[in-house]
C-alpha atoms as a PDB file:
ATOM      1  CA  MET A   1       0.031  -0.228   0.226  1.00  0.00           C
ATOM      2  CA  ASN A   2       0.927   3.650  -0.869  1.00  0.00           C
ATOM      3  CA  ASP A   3      -0.907   6.683  -0.056  1.00  0.00           C
ATOM      4  CA  THR A   4       1.637   8.914  -0.101  1.00  0.00           C
ATOM      5  CA  SER A   5       1.514  11.645  -3.001  1.00  0.00           C
ATOM      6  CA  LEU A   6       4.687  11.723  -5.227  1.00  0.00           C
ATOM      7  CA  GLU A   7       4.598  15.159  -4.940  1.00  0.00           C
ATOM      8  CA  VAL A   8       5.771  14.230  -0.811  1.00  0.00           C
ATOM      9  CA  GLU A   9       7.778  11.002  -1.596  1.00  0.00           C
ATOM     10  CA  SER A  10       9.810  13.000  -4.562  1.00  0.00           C
ATOM     11  CA  ARG A  11      10.830  15.355  -1.833  1.00  0.00           C
ATOM     12  CA  PHE A  12      11.579  13.131   0.744  1.00  0.00           C
ATOM     13  CA  ASN A  13      14.048  10.978  -1.778  1.00  0.00           C
ATOM     14  CA  GLU A  14      15.522  14.295  -2.310  1.00  0.00           C
ATOM     15  CA  MET A  15      15.990  15.326   1.348  1.00  0.00           C
ATOM     16  CA  MET A  16      17.307  11.650   2.141  1.00  0.00           C
ATOM     17  CA  MET A  17      19.721  11.944  -1.054  1.00  0.00           C
ATOM     18  CA  LYS A  18      21.067  15.208   0.440  1.00  0.00           C
ATOM     19  CA  LYS A  19      22.503  13.919   3.381  1.00  0.00           C
ATOM     20  CA  SER A  20      25.933  11.942   3.205  1.00  0.00           C
ATOM     21  CA  GLY A  21      26.067   8.402   3.195  1.00  0.00           C
ATOM     22  CA  GLN A  22      27.470   8.278   7.469  1.00  0.00           C
ATOM     23  CA  GLU A  23      24.239   9.628   8.486  1.00  0.00           C
ATOM     24  CA  ARG A  24      22.110   7.629   5.953  1.00  0.00           C
ATOM     25  CA  LEU A  25      23.903   4.574   7.993  1.00  0.00           C
ATOM     26  CA  LYS A  26      22.953   6.424  11.103  1.00  0.00           C
ATOM     27  CA  MET A  27      19.978   6.793  10.689  1.00  0.00           C
ATOM     28  CA  GLY A  28      19.290   2.983   9.465  1.00  0.00           C
ATOM     29  CA  PHE A  29      21.587   1.880  12.826  1.00  0.00           C
ATOM     30  CA  SER A  30      18.956   4.130  14.853  1.00  0.00           C
ATOM     31  CA  MET A  31      15.813   2.616  13.365  1.00  0.00           C
ATOM     32  CA  PHE A  32      17.202  -1.124  13.684  1.00  0.00           C
ATOM     33  CA  ASN A  33      17.753  -0.047  16.899  1.00  0.00           C
ATOM     34  CA  MET A  34      14.767   0.852  17.624  1.00  0.00           C
ATOM     35  CA  ALA A  35      12.760  -1.776  16.106  1.00  0.00           C
ATOM     36  CA  ARG A  36      14.550  -4.288  18.105  1.00  0.00           C
ATOM     37  CA  ARG A  37      13.765  -2.641  21.239  1.00  0.00           C
ATOM     38  CA  GLN A  38      10.123  -2.743  20.457  1.00  0.00           C
ATOM     39  CA  ILE A  39      10.476  -6.141  19.997  1.00  0.00           C
ATOM     40  CA  VAL A  40      11.734  -6.742  23.336  1.00  0.00           C
ATOM     41  CA  ALA A  41       9.401  -4.686  25.051  1.00  0.00           C
ATOM     42  CA  SER A  42       6.867  -6.706  23.452  1.00  0.00           C
ATOM     43  CA  VAL A  43       8.124 -10.067  24.384  1.00  0.00           C
ATOM     44  CA  LYS A  44       8.682  -8.847  27.702  1.00  0.00           C
ATOM     45  CA  MET A  45       5.210  -7.635  27.831  1.00  0.00           C
ATOM     46  CA  ASP A  46       3.663 -11.662  26.486  1.00  0.00           C
ATOM     47  CA  LYS A  47       5.769 -13.471  28.555  1.00  0.00           C
ATOM     48  CA  SER A  48       7.652 -11.608  31.769  1.00  0.00           C
ATOM     49  CA  ASP A  49      10.068 -14.616  32.423  1.00  0.00           C
ATOM     50  CA  ALA A  50      11.497 -14.408  28.990  1.00  0.00           C
ATOM     51  CA  ASP A  51      15.294 -14.585  29.165  1.00  0.00           C
ATOM     52  CA  SER A  52      17.856 -13.612  27.058  1.00  0.00           C
ATOM     53  CA  GLU A  53      17.102 -17.103  24.726  1.00  0.00           C
ATOM     54  CA  ASP A  54      13.807 -16.551  24.060  1.00  0.00           C
ATOM     55  CA  ILE A  55      13.947 -12.499  22.862  1.00  0.00           C
ATOM     56  CA  ARG A  56      17.252 -13.638  20.970  1.00  0.00           C
ATOM     57  CA  ARG A  57      14.537 -16.019  19.621  1.00  0.00           C
ATOM     58  CA  GLU A  58      11.553 -13.458  18.550  1.00  0.00           C
ATOM     59  CA  ILE A  59      14.401 -11.518  17.256  1.00  0.00           C
ATOM     60  CA  PHE A  60      15.153 -13.653  14.296  1.00  0.00           C
ATOM     61  CA  LEU A  61      11.776 -14.656  14.023  1.00  0.00           C
ATOM     62  CA  ARG A  62      10.635 -11.176  14.014  1.00  0.00           C
ATOM     63  CA  PHE A  63      13.484  -9.589  11.655  1.00  0.00           C
ATOM     64  CA  TYR A  64      14.018 -12.578   9.486  1.00  0.00           C
ATOM     65  CA  GLY A  65      12.183 -15.373  10.404  1.00  0.00           C
ATOM     66  CA  GLU A  66      10.082 -14.910   6.715  1.00  0.00           C
ATOM     67  CA  GLU A  67      12.778 -15.243   4.374  1.00  0.00           C
ATOM     68  CA  PHE A  68      13.818 -19.084   5.286  1.00  0.00           C
ATOM     69  CA  SER A  69      11.972 -22.460   5.054  1.00  0.00           C
ATOM     70  CA  PRO A  70      10.292 -24.369   7.713  1.00  0.00           C
ATOM     71  CA  ASP A  71      13.101 -26.879   7.762  1.00  0.00           C
ATOM     72  CA  ALA A  72      16.526 -24.100   8.081  1.00  0.00           C
ATOM     73  CA  ARG A  73      14.393 -21.862  10.252  1.00  0.00           C
ATOM     74  CA  ALA A  74      14.082 -24.751  12.412  1.00  0.00           C
ATOM     75  CA  LYS A  75      17.782 -25.309  12.201  1.00  0.00           C
ATOM     76  CA  ILE A  76      18.799 -21.703  13.103  1.00  0.00           C
ATOM     77  CA  LEU A  77      16.282 -21.456  16.142  1.00  0.00           C
ATOM     78  CA  ALA A  78      17.842 -24.778  17.461  1.00  0.00           C
ATOM     79  CA  LYS A  79      21.120 -23.211  17.008  1.00  0.00           C
ATOM     80  CA  LEU A  80      19.942 -20.108  18.345  1.00  0.00           C
ATOM     81  CA  THR A  81      19.147 -21.947  21.865  1.00  0.00           C
ATOM     82  CA  SER A  82      22.300 -23.422  21.479  1.00  0.00           C
ATOM     83  CA  SER A  83      25.009 -20.631  21.597  1.00  0.00           C
END
């Protein structure tokens, strides 16, 4: 779904391209860290006794879970648990 007008999208892209590569990279890291914090908060809200393994699994599943076949996903989750 895209509800942004072409004019606004064009203006946004222009503003982003005026930023240095370093600024854009910092923005990306900041967005990733914020998303990670939201996942951690959500896991803790759903399961107050969540440990670090629970959180690692959920971070993986929410960011990357759909990118892997069920078999590959199970192997990765098993490895995350054994680490």
